[in-house]
């Protein structure tokens, strides 16, 4: 299963976070662009549209279903997603981001939109008993957000990324725990995306061993 790609890129003193993912339920490959945790636009394509139309019509429903779990098909989706991700990165470098986004947000619309804030509340004691435990708080204009979906991507050297999803509770709190050697923390990072009410905030946290 493809989760996606994440890249931070700077242009004209602005840092853009570019996130691309395969949205399985919607059969979409989507790239979102964030500035200071706020989504400023998206670009999406349907991966089913890349199939040969005649081939689809000649296939049975069972054949089509099998194709979507076939390894070669996953590799093709990953290639398309990588190309989409690279296209947006190149547009940012060239200063023409708006030209590739499906729905770029105006400064006025962004200013009027509420912003999700992700806070790391236990950054001073994140590792214990061989596990990484992160406690996060999601707020909106200072008010705790209940039911925000947090997606974690833990990157560790020499190990495949670890992914987890949790929902924030009534106080806006959420926790994620994963087994990891404390010696690996200095070379590890955690990318957290919070989604709620059509809004998304993304933060990247660098880890370090306890002093």
C-alpha atoms as a PDB file:
ATOM      1  CA  UNK A   1       0.000   0.000   0.000  1.00  0.00           C
ATOM      2  CA  UNK A   2       1.287   3.478  -0.922  1.00  0.00           C
ATOM      3  CA  UNK A   3       1.090   6.118   1.777  1.00  0.00           C
ATOM      4  CA  UNK A   4       2.770   9.025   0.006  1.00  0.00           C
ATOM      5  CA  UNK A   5       5.624  11.505  -0.221  1.00  0.00           C
ATOM      6  CA  UNK A   6       6.451  14.556   1.915  1.00  0.00           C
ATOM      7  CA  UNK A   7       8.902  17.324   1.017  1.00  0.00           C
ATOM      8  CA  UNK A   8       9.761  20.713   2.516  1.00  0.00           C
ATOM      9  CA  UNK A   9      10.912  23.243  -0.092  1.00  0.00           C
ATOM     10  CA  UNK A  10      11.817  26.919   0.254  1.00  0.00           C
ATOM     11  CA  UNK A  11      11.078  29.609  -2.353  1.00  0.00           C
ATOM     12  CA  UNK A  12      11.363  33.371  -1.839  1.00  0.00           C
ATOM     13  CA  UNK A  13      11.707  32.985   1.954  1.00  0.00           C
ATOM     14  CA  UNK A  14       8.558  30.849   2.180  1.00  0.00           C
ATOM     15  CA  UNK A  15       8.758  27.188   3.233  1.00  0.00           C
ATOM     16  CA  UNK A  16       6.216  24.979   1.467  1.00  0.00           C
ATOM     17  CA  UNK A  17       5.343  21.519   2.726  1.00  0.00           C
ATOM     18  CA  UNK A  18       4.272  19.319  -0.183  1.00  0.00           C
ATOM     19  CA  UNK A  19       2.376  16.146   0.675  1.00  0.00           C
ATOM     20  CA  UNK A  20       1.256  13.561  -1.885  1.00  0.00           C
ATOM     21  CA  UNK A  21      -0.850  10.491  -1.151  1.00  0.00           C
ATOM     22  CA  UNK A  22      -2.957   7.826  -2.817  1.00  0.00           C
ATOM     23  CA  UNK A  23      -6.544   8.150  -1.624  1.00  0.00           C
ATOM     24  CA  UNK A  24      -7.700   4.565  -2.074  1.00  0.00           C
ATOM     25  CA  UNK A  25     -11.388   5.087  -1.349  1.00  0.00           C
ATOM     26  CA  UNK A  26     -11.697   7.903  -3.893  1.00  0.00           C
ATOM     27  CA  UNK A  27      -9.286   6.345  -6.434  1.00  0.00           C
ATOM     28  CA  UNK A  28      -7.349   9.602  -6.469  1.00  0.00           C
ATOM     29  CA  UNK A  29      -3.701  10.558  -6.439  1.00  0.00           C
ATOM     30  CA  UNK A  30      -3.552  13.884  -4.591  1.00  0.00           C
ATOM     31  CA  UNK A  31      -0.909  16.467  -3.757  1.00  0.00           C
ATOM     32  CA  UNK A  32      -1.548  19.153  -1.140  1.00  0.00           C
ATOM     33  CA  UNK A  33       0.625  22.192  -0.465  1.00  0.00           C
ATOM     34  CA  UNK A  34       0.901  23.659   3.048  1.00  0.00           C
ATOM     35  CA  UNK A  35       2.383  26.909   4.329  1.00  0.00           C
ATOM     36  CA  UNK A  36       2.789  27.212   8.115  1.00  0.00           C
ATOM     37  CA  UNK A  37       0.517  24.182   8.572  1.00  0.00           C
ATOM     38  CA  UNK A  38      -2.304  25.546   6.403  1.00  0.00           C
ATOM     39  CA  UNK A  39      -3.330  23.991   3.086  1.00  0.00           C
ATOM     40  CA  UNK A  40      -3.072  26.597   0.301  1.00  0.00           C
ATOM     41  CA  UNK A  41      -4.131  24.364  -2.581  1.00  0.00           C
ATOM     42  CA  UNK A  42      -4.411  20.880  -4.033  1.00  0.00           C
ATOM     43  CA  UNK A  43      -3.829  18.970  -7.237  1.00  0.00           C
ATOM     44  CA  UNK A  44      -5.485  15.596  -7.845  1.00  0.00           C
ATOM     45  CA  UNK A  45      -5.804  13.070 -10.655  1.00  0.00           C
ATOM     46  CA  UNK A  46      -7.789   9.859 -10.955  1.00  0.00           C
ATOM     47  CA  UNK A  47      -5.525   6.870 -11.313  1.00  0.00           C
ATOM     48  CA  UNK A  48      -8.344   4.908 -12.977  1.00  0.00           C
ATOM     49  CA  UNK A  49      -8.267   7.442 -15.830  1.00  0.00           C
ATOM     50  CA  UNK A  50      -4.745   6.290 -16.653  1.00  0.00           C
ATOM     51  CA  UNK A  51      -5.962   2.788 -17.510  1.00  0.00           C
ATOM     52  CA  UNK A  52      -6.517   1.770 -21.111  1.00  0.00           C
ATOM     53  CA  UNK A  53     -10.240   2.267 -21.676  1.00  0.00           C
ATOM     54  CA  UNK A  54     -10.564  -0.730 -23.959  1.00  0.00           C
ATOM     55  CA  UNK A  55      -8.705  -2.907 -21.485  1.00  0.00           C
ATOM     56  CA  UNK A  56     -11.116  -1.922 -18.703  1.00  0.00           C
ATOM     57  CA  UNK A  57     -14.182  -2.577 -20.823  1.00  0.00           C
ATOM     58  CA  UNK A  58     -12.842  -6.006 -21.775  1.00  0.00           C
ATOM     59  CA  UNK A  59     -12.188  -6.968 -18.166  1.00  0.00           C
ATOM     60  CA  UNK A  60     -14.589  -8.614 -15.785  1.00  0.00           C
ATOM     61  CA  UNK A  61     -15.317  -6.992 -12.388  1.00  0.00           C
ATOM     62  CA  UNK A  62     -13.177  -9.673 -10.766  1.00  0.00           C
ATOM     63  CA  UNK A  63     -10.268  -8.889 -13.105  1.00  0.00           C
ATOM     64  CA  UNK A  64     -10.503  -5.187 -12.322  1.00  0.00           C
ATOM     65  CA  UNK A  65     -10.628  -5.836  -8.572  1.00  0.00           C
ATOM     66  CA  UNK A  66      -7.581  -8.077  -8.840  1.00  0.00           C
ATOM     67  CA  UNK A  67      -5.729  -5.405 -10.787  1.00  0.00           C
ATOM     68  CA  UNK A  68      -6.083  -2.919  -7.951  1.00  0.00           C
ATOM     69  CA  UNK A  69      -4.199  -5.190  -5.564  1.00  0.00           C
ATOM     70  CA  UNK A  70      -1.675  -6.375  -8.121  1.00  0.00           C
ATOM     71  CA  UNK A  71       1.916  -5.444  -7.317  1.00  0.00           C
ATOM     72  CA  UNK A  72       2.552  -4.033 -10.776  1.00  0.00           C
ATOM     73  CA  UNK A  73      -0.483  -1.797 -10.463  1.00  0.00           C
ATOM     74  CA  UNK A  74       0.768  -0.496  -7.105  1.00  0.00           C
ATOM     75  CA  UNK A  75       4.125   0.250  -8.689  1.00  0.00           C
ATOM     76  CA  UNK A  76       2.385   2.161 -11.484  1.00  0.00           C
ATOM     77  CA  UNK A  77       0.386   4.183  -8.948  1.00  0.00           C
ATOM     78  CA  UNK A  78       3.567   4.956  -7.046  1.00  0.00           C
ATOM     79  CA  UNK A  79       5.258   6.129 -10.244  1.00  0.00           C
ATOM     80  CA  UNK A  80       2.300   8.386 -11.114  1.00  0.00           C
ATOM     81  CA  UNK A  81       2.190   9.772  -7.578  1.00  0.00           C
ATOM     82  CA  UNK A  82       5.922  10.466  -7.649  1.00  0.00           C
ATOM     83  CA  UNK A  83       5.519  12.314 -10.972  1.00  0.00           C
ATOM     84  CA  UNK A  84       2.650  14.376  -9.563  1.00  0.00           C
ATOM     85  CA  UNK A  85       4.708  15.224  -6.479  1.00  0.00           C
ATOM     86  CA  UNK A  86       7.687  16.243  -8.621  1.00  0.00           C
ATOM     87  CA  UNK A  87       5.486  18.384 -10.894  1.00  0.00           C
ATOM     88  CA  UNK A  88       4.297  20.464  -7.940  1.00  0.00           C
ATOM     89  CA  UNK A  89       7.827  20.796  -6.530  1.00  0.00           C
ATOM     90  CA  UNK A  90       9.098  22.043  -9.896  1.00  0.00           C
ATOM     91  CA  UNK A  91       6.230  24.544 -10.079  1.00  0.00           C
ATOM     92  CA  UNK A  92       7.214  25.951  -6.672  1.00  0.00           C
ATOM     93  CA  UNK A  93      10.860  26.281  -7.734  1.00  0.00           C
ATOM     94  CA  UNK A  94       9.752  28.110 -10.891  1.00  0.00           C
ATOM     95  CA  UNK A  95       7.392  30.439  -8.993  1.00  0.00           C
ATOM     96  CA  UNK A  96       4.296  29.197 -10.820  1.00  0.00           C
ATOM     97  CA  UNK A  97       2.550  27.138  -8.154  1.00  0.00           C
ATOM     98  CA  UNK A  98      -0.907  28.601  -8.825  1.00  0.00           C
ATOM     99  CA  UNK A  99      -0.768  27.349 -12.415  1.00  0.00           C
ATOM    100  CA  UNK A 100      -0.704  23.677 -11.368  1.00  0.00           C
ATOM    101  CA  UNK A 101      -3.126  23.724  -8.428  1.00  0.00           C
ATOM    102  CA  UNK A 102      -6.753  22.697  -8.982  1.00  0.00           C
ATOM    103  CA  UNK A 103      -8.030  25.118  -6.324  1.00  0.00           C
ATOM    104  CA  UNK A 104      -5.502  27.647  -5.066  1.00  0.00           C
ATOM    105  CA  UNK A 105      -6.678  29.577  -2.015  1.00  0.00           C
ATOM    106  CA  UNK A 106      -6.702  33.363  -2.064  1.00  0.00           C
ATOM    107  CA  UNK A 107      -5.004  35.295   0.797  1.00  0.00           C
ATOM    108  CA  UNK A 108      -8.440  36.629   1.813  1.00  0.00           C
ATOM    109  CA  UNK A 109      -9.912  33.134   2.071  1.00  0.00           C
ATOM    110  CA  UNK A 110      -6.940  31.893   4.061  1.00  0.00           C
ATOM    111  CA  UNK A 111      -7.145  34.818   6.475  1.00  0.00           C
ATOM    112  CA  UNK A 112     -10.812  34.080   7.178  1.00  0.00           C
ATOM    113  CA  UNK A 113     -10.225  30.354   7.731  1.00  0.00           C
ATOM    114  CA  UNK A 114      -9.741  28.929  11.197  1.00  0.00           C
ATOM    115  CA  UNK A 115      -6.400  27.251  11.772  1.00  0.00           C
ATOM    116  CA  UNK A 116      -5.654  23.954  13.479  1.00  0.00           C
ATOM    117  CA  UNK A 117      -2.706  24.011  15.867  1.00  0.00           C
ATOM    118  CA  UNK A 118      -0.731  20.892  16.839  1.00  0.00           C
ATOM    119  CA  UNK A 119       1.231  21.064  20.084  1.00  0.00           C
ATOM    120  CA  UNK A 120       3.693  18.445  21.335  1.00  0.00           C
ATOM    121  CA  UNK A 121       2.975  18.390  25.062  1.00  0.00           C
ATOM    122  CA  UNK A 122       5.554  15.857  26.337  1.00  0.00           C
ATOM    123  CA  UNK A 123       8.598  16.780  24.262  1.00  0.00           C
ATOM    124  CA  UNK A 124      10.791  16.657  27.387  1.00  0.00           C
ATOM    125  CA  UNK A 125      10.016  12.984  28.139  1.00  0.00           C
ATOM    126  CA  UNK A 126       9.192  11.248  24.899  1.00  0.00           C
ATOM    127  CA  UNK A 127      11.089   7.933  25.321  1.00  0.00           C
ATOM    128  CA  UNK A 128      10.550   5.365  28.080  1.00  0.00           C
ATOM    129  CA  UNK A 129      10.789   1.569  28.442  1.00  0.00           C
ATOM    130  CA  UNK A 130      12.026   1.120  24.872  1.00  0.00           C
ATOM    131  CA  UNK A 131       9.072   2.982  23.331  1.00  0.00           C
ATOM    132  CA  UNK A 132       8.498   6.375  21.795  1.00  0.00           C
ATOM    133  CA  UNK A 133       5.414   7.986  23.346  1.00  0.00           C
ATOM    134  CA  UNK A 134       4.162  11.238  21.874  1.00  0.00           C
ATOM    135  CA  UNK A 135       1.356  13.249  23.447  1.00  0.00           C
ATOM    136  CA  UNK A 136      -0.214  15.907  21.258  1.00  0.00           C
ATOM    137  CA  UNK A 137      -2.853  18.594  21.693  1.00  0.00           C
ATOM    138  CA  UNK A 138      -5.026  19.834  18.806  1.00  0.00           C
ATOM    139  CA  UNK A 139      -6.668  23.239  19.186  1.00  0.00           C
ATOM    140  CA  UNK A 140      -8.519  25.742  17.038  1.00  0.00           C
ATOM    141  CA  UNK A 141      -8.386  29.383  18.140  1.00  0.00           C
ATOM    142  CA  UNK A 142      -7.334  28.146  21.569  1.00  0.00           C
ATOM    143  CA  UNK A 143     -10.235  25.680  21.892  1.00  0.00           C
ATOM    144  CA  UNK A 144      -9.521  21.907  22.117  1.00  0.00           C
ATOM    145  CA  UNK A 145     -10.671  19.972  19.054  1.00  0.00           C
ATOM    146  CA  UNK A 146     -12.444  16.656  19.626  1.00  0.00           C
ATOM    147  CA  UNK A 147     -12.427  14.089  16.833  1.00  0.00           C
ATOM    148  CA  UNK A 148      -9.483  15.436  14.826  1.00  0.00           C
ATOM    149  CA  UNK A 149      -7.809  12.622  12.894  1.00  0.00           C
ATOM    150  CA  UNK A 150      -4.058  12.529  13.455  1.00  0.00           C
ATOM    151  CA  UNK A 151      -1.881  10.558  11.070  1.00  0.00           C
ATOM    152  CA  UNK A 152       1.659   9.791  12.220  1.00  0.00           C
ATOM    153  CA  UNK A 153       4.621   8.892  10.018  1.00  0.00           C
ATOM    154  CA  UNK A 154       7.687   7.817  12.000  1.00  0.00           C
ATOM    155  CA  UNK A 155      10.880   7.747   9.965  1.00  0.00           C
ATOM    156  CA  UNK A 156      13.764   5.681  11.365  1.00  0.00           C
ATOM    157  CA  UNK A 157      17.153   4.869   9.766  1.00  0.00           C
ATOM    158  CA  UNK A 158      17.298   1.473   8.093  1.00  0.00           C
ATOM    159  CA  UNK A 159      13.675   0.676   8.930  1.00  0.00           C
ATOM    160  CA  UNK A 160      10.497   1.098   6.902  1.00  0.00           C
ATOM    161  CA  UNK A 161       8.398   4.088   8.045  1.00  0.00           C
ATOM    162  CA  UNK A 162       5.806   3.357  10.722  1.00  0.00           C
ATOM    163  CA  UNK A 163       2.292   4.753  10.284  1.00  0.00           C
ATOM    164  CA  UNK A 164      -0.500   5.170  12.815  1.00  0.00           C
ATOM    165  CA  UNK A 165      -3.806   7.032  13.090  1.00  0.00           C
ATOM    166  CA  UNK A 166      -5.640   8.195  16.207  1.00  0.00           C
ATOM    167  CA  UNK A 167      -8.490  10.565  17.047  1.00  0.00           C
ATOM    168  CA  UNK A 168      -8.219  13.411  19.530  1.00  0.00           C
ATOM    169  CA  UNK A 169     -10.392  13.090  22.622  1.00  0.00           C
ATOM    170  CA  UNK A 170     -12.833  15.587  24.143  1.00  0.00           C
ATOM    171  CA  UNK A 171      -9.905  17.621  25.501  1.00  0.00           C
ATOM    172  CA  UNK A 172      -8.112  17.663  22.152  1.00  0.00           C
ATOM    173  CA  UNK A 173      -5.477  15.170  23.327  1.00  0.00           C
ATOM    174  CA  UNK A 174      -4.045  12.264  21.359  1.00  0.00           C
ATOM    175  CA  UNK A 175      -1.244   9.755  21.954  1.00  0.00           C
ATOM    176  CA  UNK A 176       0.962   7.608  19.733  1.00  0.00           C
ATOM    177  CA  UNK A 177       3.403   4.925  20.881  1.00  0.00           C
ATOM    178  CA  UNK A 178       5.909   2.867  18.873  1.00  0.00           C
ATOM    179  CA  UNK A 179       8.789   0.608  19.865  1.00  0.00           C
ATOM    180  CA  UNK A 180      12.128   2.251  18.985  1.00  0.00           C
ATOM    181  CA  UNK A 181      15.691   2.110  20.304  1.00  0.00           C
ATOM    182  CA  UNK A 182      16.592   5.368  22.035  1.00  0.00           C
ATOM    183  CA  UNK A 183      19.938   5.379  20.165  1.00  0.00           C
ATOM    184  CA  UNK A 184      17.998   5.823  16.904  1.00  0.00           C
ATOM    185  CA  UNK A 185      16.085   8.910  18.035  1.00  0.00           C
ATOM    186  CA  UNK A 186      18.714  11.400  16.862  1.00  0.00           C
ATOM    187  CA  UNK A 187      18.278  10.166  13.273  1.00  0.00           C
ATOM    188  CA  UNK A 188      14.508   9.777  13.455  1.00  0.00           C
ATOM    189  CA  UNK A 189      11.637  12.161  12.796  1.00  0.00           C
ATOM    190  CA  UNK A 190       7.865  12.215  13.119  1.00  0.00           C
ATOM    191  CA  UNK A 191       5.498  13.828  10.635  1.00  0.00           C
ATOM    192  CA  UNK A 192       2.031  14.504  12.076  1.00  0.00           C
ATOM    193  CA  UNK A 193      -1.009  15.583  10.088  1.00  0.00           C
ATOM    194  CA  UNK A 194      -4.219  16.644  11.841  1.00  0.00           C
ATOM    195  CA  UNK A 195      -7.464  16.781   9.842  1.00  0.00           C
ATOM    196  CA  UNK A 196     -10.783  18.172  11.032  1.00  0.00           C
ATOM    197  CA  UNK A 197     -13.740  19.842   9.347  1.00  0.00           C
ATOM    198  CA  UNK A 198     -12.020  19.983   5.972  1.00  0.00           C
ATOM    199  CA  UNK A 199      -8.950  21.689   7.450  1.00  0.00           C
ATOM    200  CA  UNK A 200      -5.498  20.174   7.746  1.00  0.00           C
ATOM    201  CA  UNK A 201      -2.387  21.037   9.709  1.00  0.00           C
ATOM    202  CA  UNK A 202       0.964  19.312   9.319  1.00  0.00           C
ATOM    203  CA  UNK A 203       4.022  19.448  11.567  1.00  0.00           C
ATOM    204  CA  UNK A 204       7.362  17.692  11.460  1.00  0.00           C
ATOM    205  CA  UNK A 205       9.090  16.904  14.742  1.00  0.00           C
ATOM    206  CA  UNK A 206      12.762  16.057  15.113  1.00  0.00           C
ATOM    207  CA  UNK A 207      13.643  13.616  17.893  1.00  0.00           C
ATOM    208  CA  UNK A 208      16.648  13.383  20.202  1.00  0.00           C
ATOM    209  CA  UNK A 209      17.798  11.068  22.985  1.00  0.00           C
ATOM    210  CA  UNK A 210      17.201  12.139  26.584  1.00  0.00           C
ATOM    211  CA  UNK A 211      20.089  14.021  28.165  1.00  0.00           C
END
